[in-house]
Amino acid sequence: MNKLFFTSLFLLFSSLSFFGQKRDYLAEMYANHHGIAQKAGTNNLLKEFIKPYGKKGEVFAILFAPQACPRCEVDIPYVLENLPKIKPQAELVIIAAYHDSILAKQYIEKKFKAPNVIIDTEGMHEKIFHYRTGRLAVTYMLQIDAEQGRLMCGGDTPNMSEGFLSQFCNNTSYCPYSEIASGGVEEVDSEPAQRLANGTYASVLIETDNSFNVSSITELPDWYGNSFIYSDELSSSVLLFSVDKDTARLSRKIIPTEVQKTAFVDIPRKQYEEMERQGQVFIMANCCALNPSGKQAIASFSLPDLSMENDTTIAYYNKAVLLYADAGSDTCQMSAFDFEHEASPLYMYTHASRIMPVSKTLVMFGCRKGFPTCSTGEECKNDKEQDIFMREFYDNSPFLAIFNRTSGKRTKRFGRLPDVFRKSMTGYYFTLPIAATYQDLLAYSDGCSGKLWLTDKFGEGRQQEFDLFHVDIPDSVLAIAAPLRYTDSYFEPFIAIFHQYIEMIKLDKQGIHCLIRNGKSAVKKENDQYEYRLLDYNGKMEKSFNIKLEEGDEMLAISLGKDKEGNVFPYYVCKNNARFYLKLPERK
């Protein structure tokens, strides 16, 4: 069962059976985009990590981050039920990587019947395992020799079935330790920044009660005037708060209605109910935003799009929708989008990571094409629209798209990938487009080249280009990456290269406000540093400072907001002593 990150490709749910053909599931798993390997020198760490369950010598583990990939979690109940049939004496344990042990346990108890559970609140898995994509993004199956502290085999399952489990459980070989091709650019964790005394910043208490708790914040929260909104990871819902002086109170929980949830379901009701009972139906809250006036909340969801592929097989797609909650209304309007899955060249739209409202009728998403998102290494070769290793690929490389909210149709794509991507030949792999509007102005960026463009609202007028930082591509990295072309491993050497991101842009009468993440990796880390910058509309820097946390703050998210007058300010969301706050570094 394939899970493709940043896509809405279909997943076929059929009876989980082994058809007897000679298929090497483990080879497929090792070649998967989301590969995993043990880091050299971590045997003792792994032994200690699974010590409570390692007495029998062999441990089978399911490693995942709750709600990081909801569709991937469908494998977990099947493994819990069927692996003990193949290996009755084996120790089977769920390893959940999550910062809050209580919330993680509640999540697992609600969804899975798991006798053995390890909650990794300290990120031990990152010290032991190397992920090909740089982070724990899917559900991994692990076979571990507990006596030696060695990973025997592991990966993202290509097809969860009796056939896969049989090969997996009866494996007797050991996969090699990770070989990270970094070309001399080593990815290391940032040092923790200096802390400030509590009370240095103005703060707003997020009032919680027994009905909810802040788990993790999916993507960027938003704040305009008296409204604050964020997407809550574990509850898979979007929460809208009313901010009154120093307190934020929950005013609305935005989720699809029962009618909206099944709007794209075209299978017999009994089959849908059975899939729902087995945990195979997913309502996923993605990101959220407030429109430019601050009077409407917008929430991105992925809903099940189900149809009969044939008499026995159900085709499962994710349908991208937005829910719109207007002030003073108890209902949500819903619009769906036509992402042109049959078009050539094929583009994918990153509706799950950023919503950028343009007007009452238009909205922006990031877009991408080519290998590895939209084609395999073999499929893309010599196709200038898909082959990222051809120079011509970058001649037509838009990374933002505008859609009409009413019709769901795309009105245009715009932007062009800067030369740093042509030189590195990484295509869209590291991009995370961001944009903002103000009056008739539009500022936008691909996210990680350091470049920012200013033009009119529809990207058609005179354009100014500003450089916020520079990305250097060492020849040594290019040399090490070259033999890996057309494989998923090609991008690994560049993870430590693209370590700065323009996370957020907002505009007001003062100019262009930017939030920049300065880390050691393309993957967000706990100790990454954040910088706030204000540019005037000619690109001159008017203000810049690093955002420091107060003592005891555990940062959940950082963003830019607007007050009632439309003035932009930086803020972060944090947990401190079991309470949750919004903190404003520029205000006392």
Protein backbone atom coordinates (compact mmCIF):
# COMPACT_ATOMS: atom_id res chain seq x y z
CA MET A 1 0.00 0.00 0.00
CA ASN A 2 1.80 3.11 -1.20
CA LYS A 3 1.60 6.41 0.61
CA LEU A 4 2.76 9.39 -1.41
CA PHE A 5 3.71 12.58 0.49
CA PHE A 6 2.34 15.96 -0.90
CA THR A 7 0.01 14.15 -3.32
CA SER A 8 -3.62 13.22 -3.72
CA LEU A 9 -3.04 10.02 -5.72
CA PHE A 10 -5.38 7.11 -5.19
CA LEU A 11 -4.96 4.27 -2.79
CA LEU A 12 -6.66 0.99 -3.54
CA PHE A 13 -8.28 -0.66 -0.55
CA SER A 14 -8.95 -4.27 -1.38
CA SER A 15 -8.99 -7.52 0.57
CA LEU A 16 -5.58 -7.94 2.15
CA SER A 17 -4.44 -11.24 0.70
CA PHE A 18 -1.32 -12.83 -0.69
CA PHE A 19 -1.70 -13.95 -4.30
CA GLY A 20 1.26 -16.34 -4.31
CA GLN A 21 3.39 -14.68 -6.97
CA LYS A 22 7.10 -14.42 -6.26
CA ARG A 23 7.36 -10.82 -5.13
CA ASP A 24 10.25 -9.42 -3.14
CA TYR A 25 8.42 -7.12 -0.72
CA LEU A 26 11.53 -6.38 1.31
CA ALA A 27 13.47 -5.19 -1.75
CA GLU A 28 10.54 -2.90 -2.60
CA MET A 29 10.52 -1.60 0.96
CA TYR A 30 14.25 -0.85 0.95
CA ALA A 31 13.91 1.06 -2.35
CA ASN A 32 10.95 3.10 -1.09
CA HIS A 33 11.14 6.91 -1.04
CA HIS A 34 10.74 6.85 2.74
CA GLY A 35 13.72 4.63 3.49
CA ILE A 36 15.10 4.09 6.99
CA ALA A 37 18.44 2.75 8.29
CA GLN A 38 20.22 2.56 11.61
CA LYS A 39 23.00 5.04 12.28
CA ALA A 40 26.40 3.51 12.96
CA GLY A 41 27.45 3.46 16.60
CA THR A 42 23.91 3.40 17.99
CA ASN A 43 23.64 -0.27 18.98
CA ASN A 44 23.66 0.45 22.71
CA LEU A 45 21.14 3.27 22.28
CA LEU A 46 18.76 0.94 20.45
CA LYS A 47 19.21 -1.82 23.05
CA GLU A 48 18.37 0.62 25.83
CA PHE A 49 15.47 2.11 23.90
CA ILE A 50 13.62 -1.22 23.56
CA LYS A 51 14.99 -2.80 26.74
CA PRO A 52 11.57 -3.42 28.39
CA TYR A 53 10.55 -5.65 25.46
CA GLY A 54 13.88 -7.16 24.36
CA LYS A 55 14.08 -10.21 26.61
CA LYS A 56 13.13 -12.66 23.83
CA GLY A 57 15.91 -11.43 21.57
CA GLU A 58 13.76 -10.27 18.66
CA VAL A 59 11.39 -7.31 18.66
CA PHE A 60 8.97 -6.22 15.96
CA ALA A 61 8.06 -2.56 16.20
CA ILE A 62 5.67 -0.15 14.53
CA LEU A 63 7.28 3.29 14.57
CA PHE A 64 5.16 6.35 13.78
CA ALA A 65 4.39 9.92 14.75
CA PRO A 66 0.67 10.18 15.62
CA GLN A 67 -1.34 11.89 12.88
CA ALA A 68 1.77 12.75 10.82
CA CYS A 69 0.36 10.56 8.04
CA PRO A 70 -3.16 9.42 8.95
CA ARG A 71 -3.56 7.22 5.88
CA CYS A 72 -0.34 5.39 6.76
CA GLU A 73 -1.79 4.39 10.13
CA VAL A 74 -4.26 2.05 8.43
CA ASP A 75 -1.49 -0.58 8.48
CA ILE A 76 -1.24 -0.60 12.28
CA PRO A 77 -4.43 -2.54 13.19
CA TYR A 78 -3.66 -5.12 10.49
CA VAL A 79 -0.15 -5.70 11.87
CA LEU A 80 -1.37 -5.91 15.47
CA GLU A 81 -3.89 -8.56 14.47
CA ASN A 82 -1.91 -10.60 11.97
CA LEU A 83 1.78 -10.51 12.90
CA PRO A 84 1.22 -12.61 16.09
CA LYS A 85 -0.34 -15.31 13.89
CA ILE A 86 2.94 -15.63 12.00
CA LYS A 87 5.25 -15.15 15.02
CA PRO A 88 3.17 -16.06 18.11
CA GLN A 89 6.07 -15.69 20.55
CA ALA A 90 7.39 -12.40 19.17
CA GLU A 91 7.36 -9.16 21.08
CA LEU A 92 5.34 -6.57 19.16
CA VAL A 93 5.50 -2.95 20.27
CA ILE A 94 4.20 0.38 19.05
CA ILE A 95 6.71 3.24 19.23
CA ALA A 96 4.99 6.62 19.08
CA ALA A 97 7.21 9.67 18.63
CA TYR A 98 5.38 12.55 20.26
CA HIS A 99 6.24 15.36 22.65
CA ASP A 100 3.30 14.77 25.03
CA SER A 101 3.14 11.25 26.49
CA ILE A 102 -0.38 11.65 27.91
CA LEU A 103 -1.92 12.80 24.63
CA ALA A 104 -0.03 10.13 22.70
CA LYS A 105 -1.27 7.36 25.01
CA GLN A 106 -4.84 8.64 24.71
CA TYR A 107 -4.53 8.67 20.94
CA ILE A 108 -3.21 5.10 20.81
CA GLU A 109 -5.79 3.77 23.29
CA LYS A 110 -8.57 5.32 21.22
CA LYS A 111 -7.38 3.90 17.87
CA PHE A 112 -5.40 0.70 18.49
CA LYS A 113 -5.43 -2.37 20.69
CA ALA A 114 -1.75 -2.35 21.53
CA PRO A 115 -0.44 -4.25 24.59
CA ASN A 116 3.09 -2.81 24.37
CA VAL A 117 3.73 0.89 23.83
CA ILE A 118 6.82 3.12 23.97
CA ILE A 119 6.23 6.87 23.88
CA ASP A 120 9.33 8.65 22.60
CA THR A 121 9.06 12.18 23.98
CA GLU A 122 12.80 12.93 23.70
CA GLY A 123 13.33 12.21 20.01
CA MET A 124 15.48 9.14 20.62
CA HIS A 125 14.40 7.70 17.28
CA GLU A 126 16.21 10.57 15.51
CA LYS A 127 19.47 9.65 17.29
CA ILE A 128 19.16 5.99 16.30
CA PHE A 129 17.66 6.03 12.81
CA HIS A 130 18.44 7.89 9.61
CA TYR A 131 15.43 8.77 7.43
CA ARG A 132 15.96 9.13 3.70
CA THR A 133 13.58 12.12 3.62
CA GLY A 134 15.13 13.63 6.74
CA ARG A 135 12.23 13.02 9.11
CA LEU A 136 9.71 10.53 10.48
CA ALA A 137 6.89 11.12 8.00
CA VAL A 138 5.17 7.72 7.59
CA THR A 139 4.58 4.48 9.51
CA TYR A 140 7.63 2.19 9.64
CA MET A 141 7.81 -1.52 10.30
CA LEU A 142 10.99 -2.52 12.17
CA GLN A 143 12.56 -5.92 12.88
CA ILE A 144 15.13 -5.53 15.65
CA ASP A 145 17.76 -7.85 17.10
CA ALA A 146 17.41 -6.75 20.72
CA GLU A 147 20.50 -8.60 21.95
CA GLN A 148 22.82 -6.78 19.54
CA GLY A 149 20.81 -3.58 19.29
CA ARG A 150 20.68 -3.95 15.50
CA LEU A 151 18.00 -3.10 12.99
CA MET A 152 17.56 -6.21 10.87
CA CYS A 153 15.13 -4.71 8.39
CA GLY A 154 12.72 -1.82 8.31
CA GLY A 155 10.83 0.54 6.10
CA ASP A 156 7.57 1.91 4.82
CA THR A 157 5.50 -1.08 3.71
CA PRO A 158 4.99 -1.42 -0.06
CA ASN A 159 1.88 -3.57 0.34
CA MET A 160 0.50 -4.52 3.71
CA SER A 161 -0.55 -8.11 3.25
CA GLU A 162 0.01 -11.61 4.53
CA GLY A 163 2.73 -11.99 1.90
CA PHE A 164 4.63 -8.95 3.12
CA LEU A 165 4.33 -9.91 6.80
CA SER A 166 5.53 -13.45 6.06
CA GLN A 167 8.69 -12.20 4.34
CA PHE A 168 9.20 -9.52 6.97
CA CYS A 169 8.85 -11.84 9.97
CA ASN A 170 11.07 -14.55 8.48
CA ASN A 171 13.89 -12.26 7.44
CA THR A 172 17.27 -13.37 8.82
CA SER A 173 19.60 -10.77 7.28
CA TYR A 174 20.69 -7.38 8.59
CA CYS A 175 20.33 -4.17 6.62
CA PRO A 176 23.52 -2.06 6.48
CA TYR A 177 24.07 1.02 8.59
CA SER A 178 23.15 4.30 6.97
CA GLU A 179 25.59 5.90 4.62
CA ILE A 180 24.78 9.60 4.51
CA ALA A 181 26.18 11.26 1.41
CA SER A 182 26.78 14.76 2.70
CA GLY A 183 29.82 15.81 0.70
CA GLY A 184 31.44 17.34 3.75
CA VAL A 185 28.32 19.31 4.75
CA GLU A 186 27.26 17.67 7.97
CA GLU A 187 23.74 18.10 9.33
CA VAL A 188 23.95 18.87 13.04
CA ASP A 189 21.46 20.10 15.59
CA SER A 190 21.41 23.79 16.46
CA GLU A 191 22.47 24.84 19.93
CA PRO A 192 19.60 26.04 22.15
CA ALA A 193 19.26 29.83 22.09
CA GLN A 194 19.57 31.98 25.16
CA ARG A 195 16.31 32.29 27.11
CA LEU A 196 14.68 35.44 28.45
CA ALA A 197 12.99 35.91 31.81
CA ASN A 198 9.28 35.16 32.04
CA GLY A 199 7.21 38.31 31.71
CA THR A 200 9.55 39.89 29.16
CA TYR A 201 6.85 39.62 26.49
CA ALA A 202 3.16 40.43 26.44
CA SER A 203 1.23 37.14 26.54
CA VAL A 204 -2.27 35.82 25.92
CA LEU A 205 -3.47 32.73 27.79
CA ILE A 206 -5.17 30.13 25.60
CA GLU A 207 -8.03 29.01 27.80
CA THR A 208 -8.51 25.24 27.72
CA ASP A 209 -10.98 23.00 29.48
CA ASN A 210 -11.90 19.33 29.49
CA SER A 211 -13.27 19.57 25.93
CA PHE A 212 -9.89 20.01 24.26
CA ASN A 213 -6.18 20.42 24.74
CA VAL A 214 -3.59 21.87 22.39
CA SER A 215 -1.73 18.87 20.93
CA SER A 216 0.50 19.88 18.02
CA ILE A 217 -0.10 22.68 15.54
CA THR A 218 -0.25 21.64 11.91
CA GLU A 219 1.59 24.14 9.70
CA LEU A 220 1.15 27.88 10.41
CA PRO A 221 -1.47 29.38 12.73
CA ASP A 222 -3.01 32.77 11.90
CA TRP A 223 -4.07 35.79 13.95
CA TYR A 224 -5.99 38.87 12.87
CA GLY A 225 -7.43 41.33 15.38
CA ASN A 226 -9.58 39.39 17.83
CA SER A 227 -9.42 36.10 15.89
CA PHE A 228 -6.78 33.40 16.31
CA ILE A 229 -6.92 30.09 14.41
CA TYR A 230 -4.85 26.93 14.20
CA SER A 231 -5.15 23.34 12.96
CA ASP A 232 -4.90 20.83 15.81
CA GLU A 233 -3.00 17.72 14.79
CA LEU A 234 -4.35 14.95 17.01
CA SER A 235 -7.99 16.07 16.94
CA SER A 236 -7.80 16.68 13.17
CA SER A 237 -9.88 19.82 13.51
CA VAL A 238 -9.41 23.55 13.10
CA LEU A 239 -9.95 25.66 16.22
CA LEU A 240 -11.01 29.30 16.08
CA PHE A 241 -10.50 31.50 19.16
CA SER A 242 -11.75 34.90 20.22
CA VAL A 243 -8.95 36.99 21.74
CA ASP A 244 -10.04 39.40 24.49
CA LYS A 245 -7.16 41.34 26.06
CA ASP A 246 -4.97 38.67 27.71
CA THR A 247 -7.18 35.60 27.11
CA ALA A 248 -8.05 33.55 24.02
CA ARG A 249 -11.26 31.52 24.31
CA LEU A 250 -12.42 28.79 21.96
CA SER A 251 -15.31 30.13 19.92
CA ARG A 252 -15.66 27.48 17.25
CA LYS A 253 -14.44 24.06 16.19
CA ILE A 254 -14.34 23.82 12.41
CA ILE A 255 -14.91 20.33 11.03
CA PRO A 256 -16.93 19.03 8.09
CA THR A 257 -20.56 18.07 8.69
CA GLU A 258 -21.63 14.47 8.15
CA VAL A 259 -23.06 15.48 4.77
CA GLN A 260 -19.81 17.22 3.79
CA LYS A 261 -17.71 14.24 4.91
CA THR A 262 -19.47 11.94 2.45
CA ALA A 263 -19.94 14.44 -0.38
CA PHE A 264 -17.48 12.52 -2.60
CA VAL A 265 -18.38 8.98 -1.54
CA ASP A 266 -19.84 6.92 -4.37
CA ILE A 267 -19.86 3.40 -2.98
CA PRO A 268 -22.59 1.38 -1.24
CA ARG A 269 -23.35 2.72 2.22
CA LYS A 270 -22.62 -0.62 3.91
CA GLN A 271 -19.15 -0.76 2.40
CA TYR A 272 -18.42 2.78 3.51
CA GLU A 273 -19.58 2.01 7.07
CA GLU A 274 -17.37 -1.09 7.15
CA MET A 275 -14.35 0.92 5.99
CA GLU A 276 -15.14 3.52 8.65
CA ARG A 277 -15.40 0.80 11.31
CA GLN A 278 -12.01 -0.59 10.31
CA GLY A 279 -10.37 2.82 10.47
CA GLN A 280 -9.89 3.11 6.70
CA VAL A 281 -11.70 6.44 6.26
CA PHE A 282 -9.76 9.62 6.96
CA ILE A 283 -10.98 13.16 7.54
CA MET A 284 -7.75 15.16 7.62
CA ALA A 285 -7.46 18.76 8.79
CA ASN A 286 -4.51 20.35 7.06
CA CYS A 287 -3.72 24.06 7.33
CA CYS A 288 -5.80 27.17 7.93
CA ALA A 289 -5.82 30.94 7.48
CA LEU A 290 -7.87 34.05 8.00
CA ASN A 291 -8.82 35.99 4.88
CA PRO A 292 -7.22 39.43 4.31
CA SER A 293 -10.06 41.19 6.13
CA GLY A 294 -9.85 38.82 9.10
CA LYS A 295 -13.63 38.25 8.97
CA GLN A 296 -13.60 34.76 7.53
CA ALA A 297 -11.79 31.62 8.69
CA ILE A 298 -10.59 29.23 6.00
CA ALA A 299 -9.68 25.62 6.74
CA SER A 300 -8.14 23.07 4.38
CA PHE A 301 -9.35 19.47 4.68
CA SER A 302 -8.76 16.26 2.78
CA LEU A 303 -11.95 14.23 2.47
CA PRO A 304 -12.43 10.67 1.19
CA ASP A 305 -13.19 10.44 -2.52
CA LEU A 306 -14.39 6.85 -2.97
CA SER A 307 -15.62 5.03 -6.04
CA MET A 308 -15.81 1.44 -7.28
CA GLU A 309 -12.75 0.63 -9.39
CA ASN A 310 -14.44 -2.64 -10.32
CA ASP A 311 -16.87 -5.06 -8.65
CA THR A 312 -14.49 -5.83 -5.76
CA THR A 313 -12.01 -2.95 -5.51
CA ILE A 314 -12.54 0.52 -4.10
CA ALA A 315 -10.49 3.43 -5.43
CA TYR A 316 -9.56 5.89 -2.69
CA TYR A 317 -8.48 9.45 -3.48
CA ASN A 318 -8.08 12.47 -1.22
CA LYS A 319 -10.41 15.31 -2.22
CA ALA A 320 -9.04 18.76 -1.44
CA VAL A 321 -11.66 21.10 0.01
CA LEU A 322 -11.79 24.37 1.87
CA LEU A 323 -14.32 25.17 4.58
CA TYR A 324 -15.28 28.82 5.07
CA ALA A 325 -16.56 30.01 8.44
CA ASP A 326 -17.95 33.56 8.39
CA ALA A 327 -18.19 35.67 11.52
CA GLY A 328 -21.65 35.37 13.04
CA SER A 329 -22.55 32.19 11.14
CA ASP A 330 -22.84 28.71 12.62
CA THR A 331 -22.43 26.91 9.29
CA CYS A 332 -19.49 26.38 6.96
CA GLN A 333 -19.57 26.67 3.21
CA MET A 334 -17.42 24.17 1.34
CA SER A 335 -15.64 24.37 -1.99
CA ALA A 336 -13.74 21.62 -3.79
CA PHE A 337 -10.93 22.05 -6.29
CA ASP A 338 -10.14 20.48 -9.62
CA PHE A 339 -6.44 19.64 -9.40
CA GLU A 340 -6.38 18.26 -12.95
CA HIS A 341 -5.07 14.78 -12.17
CA GLU A 342 -5.27 13.75 -15.81
CA ALA A 343 -3.38 16.79 -17.15
CA SER A 344 0.00 16.63 -18.84
CA PRO A 345 2.35 17.70 -17.46
CA LEU A 346 0.96 16.66 -14.11
CA TYR A 347 1.13 19.22 -11.29
CA MET A 348 0.50 18.63 -7.61
CA TYR A 349 -0.90 21.42 -5.46
CA THR A 350 0.22 21.81 -1.84
CA HIS A 351 -3.18 22.63 -0.38
CA ALA A 352 -2.24 20.73 2.78
CA SER A 353 0.65 22.98 3.78
CA ARG A 354 -0.34 26.56 2.86
CA ILE A 355 -3.55 28.48 2.08
CA MET A 356 -2.96 31.98 0.74
CA PRO A 357 -6.22 33.92 0.33
CA VAL A 358 -6.07 36.51 -2.46
CA SER A 359 -9.62 37.90 -2.37
CA LYS A 360 -13.20 36.83 -1.63
CA THR A 361 -13.19 34.71 -4.77
CA LEU A 362 -9.55 33.66 -5.26
CA VAL A 363 -7.08 31.58 -3.28
CA MET A 364 -3.46 30.52 -3.85
CA PHE A 365 -1.69 27.20 -3.35
CA GLY A 366 1.86 26.15 -4.03
CA CYS A 367 2.41 23.79 -6.95
CA ARG A 368 5.10 21.40 -8.16
CA LYS A 369 5.79 18.95 -10.95
CA GLY A 370 8.44 16.45 -12.03
CA PHE A 371 10.47 13.82 -10.22
CA PRO A 372 9.96 12.62 -7.51
CA THR A 373 6.51 14.06 -6.71
CA CYS A 374 4.73 13.44 -9.99
CA SER A 375 6.82 10.75 -11.68
CA THR A 376 9.40 8.08 -10.98
CA GLY A 377 13.03 8.33 -12.01
CA GLU A 378 12.46 6.08 -15.01
CA GLU A 379 9.23 7.76 -16.11
CA CYS A 380 10.67 11.28 -16.15
CA LYS A 381 13.83 10.68 -18.19
CA ASN A 382 14.27 13.00 -21.19
CA ASP A 383 10.90 14.69 -20.59
CA LYS A 384 11.66 18.39 -20.16
CA GLU A 385 8.42 18.88 -18.18
CA GLN A 386 9.24 16.12 -15.67
CA ASP A 387 13.00 15.48 -15.76
CA ILE A 388 14.62 17.72 -13.13
CA PHE A 389 18.07 16.77 -14.43
CA MET A 390 17.43 18.53 -17.75
CA ARG A 391 18.24 22.25 -17.84
CA GLU A 392 15.12 22.87 -19.94
CA PHE A 393 12.93 21.68 -17.04
CA TYR A 394 13.57 24.96 -15.23
CA ASP A 395 12.53 27.17 -18.16
CA ASN A 396 8.88 26.47 -17.30
CA SER A 397 8.76 26.00 -13.54
CA PRO A 398 5.89 27.91 -11.87
CA PHE A 399 5.52 27.27 -8.14
CA LEU A 400 2.30 29.13 -7.26
CA ALA A 401 -1.23 28.73 -8.61
CA ILE A 402 -4.40 30.80 -8.22
CA PHE A 403 -7.77 29.05 -8.05
CA ASN A 404 -11.32 30.36 -8.19
CA ARG A 405 -13.09 29.42 -4.97
CA THR A 406 -16.51 29.19 -6.60
CA SER A 407 -15.72 27.07 -9.63
CA GLY A 408 -12.75 25.23 -8.12
CA LYS A 409 -10.86 25.84 -11.37
CA ARG A 410 -7.30 27.08 -11.74
CA THR A 411 -7.01 30.57 -13.21
CA LYS A 412 -3.22 30.69 -13.58
CA ARG A 413 0.18 29.43 -12.47
CA PHE A 414 3.12 31.78 -12.02
CA GLY A 415 6.67 32.13 -10.69
CA ARG A 416 9.85 30.46 -11.89
CA LEU A 417 12.33 28.42 -9.88
CA PRO A 418 15.57 30.41 -9.31
CA ASP A 419 18.94 29.26 -10.63
CA VAL A 420 19.93 27.58 -7.34
CA PHE A 421 17.50 24.76 -8.17
CA ARG A 422 18.82 24.42 -11.72
CA LYS A 423 22.38 24.21 -10.36
CA SER A 424 21.50 21.67 -7.68
CA MET A 425 19.06 19.89 -10.01
CA THR A 426 16.70 19.38 -7.08
CA GLY A 427 13.55 20.59 -8.84
CA TYR A 428 10.75 21.37 -6.41
CA TYR A 429 11.90 18.93 -3.73
CA PHE A 430 12.81 21.54 -1.09
CA THR A 431 10.40 24.32 -2.07
CA LEU A 432 7.68 25.53 0.29
CA PRO A 433 5.98 28.46 -1.48
CA ILE A 434 4.55 31.33 0.54
CA ALA A 435 2.76 34.54 -0.49
CA ALA A 436 0.78 37.46 0.91
CA THR A 437 -1.27 40.35 -0.47
CA TYR A 438 -1.91 43.92 0.61
CA GLN A 439 -4.11 46.28 -1.36
CA ASP A 440 -2.86 45.74 -4.95
CA LEU A 441 0.49 44.22 -3.98
CA LEU A 442 1.63 40.61 -3.94
CA ALA A 443 4.83 39.33 -2.29
CA TYR A 444 5.84 35.73 -2.84
CA SER A 445 8.73 33.28 -2.51
CA ASP A 446 9.59 29.66 -3.24
CA GLY A 447 10.56 29.46 0.44
CA CYS A 448 14.17 28.28 0.42
CA SER A 449 16.19 30.06 -2.29
CA GLY A 450 16.34 33.28 -0.25
CA LYS A 451 14.60 35.22 -2.99
CA LEU A 452 11.41 37.22 -2.58
CA TRP A 453 9.44 38.94 -5.34
CA LEU A 454 7.09 41.92 -5.16
CA THR A 455 4.56 42.59 -7.91
CA ASP A 456 0.86 43.38 -8.33
CA LYS A 457 -1.78 41.15 -6.81
CA PHE A 458 -2.04 38.83 -9.81
CA GLY A 459 1.65 38.52 -10.60
CA GLU A 460 1.40 40.30 -13.93
CA GLY A 461 2.94 43.75 -13.38
CA ARG A 462 6.49 45.02 -12.91
CA GLN A 463 8.39 42.76 -10.59
CA GLN A 464 11.04 43.56 -7.99
CA GLU A 465 13.39 40.87 -6.68
CA PHE A 466 14.93 40.94 -3.20
CA ASP A 467 17.57 38.62 -1.69
CA LEU A 468 16.99 37.72 1.97
CA PHE A 469 19.77 35.13 2.12
CA HIS A 470 22.05 33.21 -0.23
CA VAL A 471 22.24 29.45 -0.81
CA ASP A 472 25.62 28.08 -1.88
CA ILE A 473 25.81 24.71 -3.65
CA PRO A 474 29.32 23.25 -3.08
CA ASP A 475 30.87 21.32 -5.96
CA SER A 476 31.66 18.51 -3.51
CA VAL A 477 27.95 17.98 -2.87
CA LEU A 478 27.16 17.98 -6.61
CA ALA A 479 29.88 15.38 -7.16
CA ILE A 480 28.56 13.05 -4.46
CA ALA A 481 24.93 13.47 -5.61
CA ALA A 482 25.67 12.89 -9.31
CA PRO A 483 25.77 9.03 -9.19
CA LEU A 484 22.44 9.07 -7.31
CA ARG A 485 20.45 10.81 -10.07
CA TYR A 486 16.96 9.41 -10.74
CA THR A 487 16.90 7.77 -7.30
CA ASP A 488 15.22 8.99 -4.12
CA SER A 489 18.62 9.11 -2.43
CA TYR A 490 19.73 11.93 -4.73
CA PHE A 491 18.27 14.60 -2.45
CA GLU A 492 19.94 13.49 0.79
CA PRO A 493 23.21 15.41 0.27
CA PHE A 494 21.23 18.65 -0.11
CA ILE A 495 19.21 18.40 3.12
CA ALA A 496 21.91 20.29 5.01
CA ILE A 497 22.27 22.81 2.15
CA PHE A 498 18.70 24.12 2.13
CA HIS A 499 18.62 24.95 5.83
CA GLN A 500 17.05 28.43 5.72
CA TYR A 501 13.40 29.07 4.93
CA ILE A 502 11.14 32.09 4.55
CA GLU A 503 8.37 30.61 6.66
CA MET A 504 5.89 33.49 6.55
CA ILE A 505 5.27 36.78 4.73
CA LYS A 506 2.75 39.48 5.61
CA LEU A 507 2.35 43.00 4.22
CA ASP A 508 1.06 46.22 5.74
CA LYS A 509 1.56 49.98 5.37
CA GLN A 510 5.10 49.68 6.77
CA GLY A 511 6.31 47.15 4.22
CA ILE A 512 7.11 43.44 3.90
CA HIS A 513 7.33 41.46 7.13
CA CYS A 514 9.24 38.17 6.92
CA LEU A 515 9.74 35.29 9.32
CA ILE A 516 12.92 33.35 8.52
CA ARG A 517 13.88 29.97 9.93
CA ASN A 518 17.62 29.53 10.37
CA GLY A 519 18.33 25.88 11.04
CA LYS A 520 20.88 23.23 10.18
CA SER A 521 18.60 21.22 7.91
CA ALA A 522 15.69 21.42 5.49
CA VAL A 523 13.77 19.55 8.17
CA LYS A 524 12.49 21.62 11.10
CA LYS A 525 14.25 20.93 14.38
CA GLU A 526 13.47 21.89 17.96
CA ASN A 527 16.40 24.29 18.33
CA ASP A 528 16.06 26.11 15.00
CA GLN A 529 16.40 29.88 15.32
CA TYR A 530 13.84 32.31 13.92
CA GLU A 531 14.49 35.82 12.67
CA TYR A 532 11.98 38.60 12.09
CA ARG A 533 12.72 41.11 9.33
CA LEU A 534 10.89 44.19 8.07
CA LEU A 535 11.70 45.44 4.56
CA ASP A 536 10.33 48.59 2.98
CA TYR A 537 8.76 48.27 -0.45
CA ASN A 538 12.12 48.98 -2.10
CA GLY A 539 13.75 46.07 -0.32
CA LYS A 540 15.66 48.10 2.30
CA MET A 541 15.81 46.36 5.69
CA GLU A 542 14.17 48.54 8.33
CA LYS A 543 14.25 46.12 11.26
CA SER A 544 15.67 42.72 12.13
CA PHE A 545 15.96 40.64 15.32
CA ASN A 546 16.15 37.01 16.44
CA ILE A 547 13.11 35.77 18.32
CA LYS A 548 14.09 34.33 21.69
CA LEU A 549 11.84 32.28 23.93
CA GLU A 550 11.12 32.92 27.58
CA GLU A 551 12.25 30.49 30.25
CA GLY A 552 10.25 27.26 30.27
CA ASP A 553 8.53 27.90 26.93
CA GLU A 554 8.07 24.88 24.67
CA MET A 555 7.39 26.41 21.28
CA LEU A 556 4.54 24.81 19.31
CA ALA A 557 4.46 27.27 16.40
CA ILE A 558 5.71 30.67 15.31
CA SER A 559 4.04 33.06 12.90
CA LEU A 560 3.06 36.61 11.96
CA GLY A 561 -0.26 38.20 12.88
CA LYS A 562 -2.12 41.45 12.32
CA ASP A 563 -3.78 43.68 14.91
CA LYS A 564 -7.16 45.41 14.48
CA GLU A 565 -5.51 48.25 12.55
CA GLY A 566 -3.83 45.83 10.17
CA ASN A 567 -0.31 46.24 11.59
CA VAL A 568 1.85 43.10 11.40
CA PHE A 569 3.59 41.62 14.46
CA PRO A 570 5.53 38.40 15.19
CA TYR A 571 4.30 35.94 17.83
CA TYR A 572 4.73 32.36 18.91
CA VAL A 573 2.51 29.70 20.49
CA CYS A 574 3.96 27.81 23.43
CA LYS A 575 3.35 25.50 26.32
CA ASN A 576 4.71 26.47 29.72
CA ASN A 577 3.96 24.62 32.96
CA ALA A 578 0.97 22.78 31.39
CA ARG A 579 -0.61 26.01 30.16
CA PHE A 580 -0.70 27.40 26.63
CA TYR A 581 0.11 30.94 25.55
CA LEU A 582 0.43 33.32 22.64
CA LYS A 583 3.52 35.47 23.20
CA LEU A 584 4.40 38.72 21.43
CA PRO A 585 8.15 39.49 21.33
CA GLU A 586 7.71 43.14 20.25
CA ARG A 587 5.20 43.95 22.96
CA LYS A 588 5.53 44.23 26.72
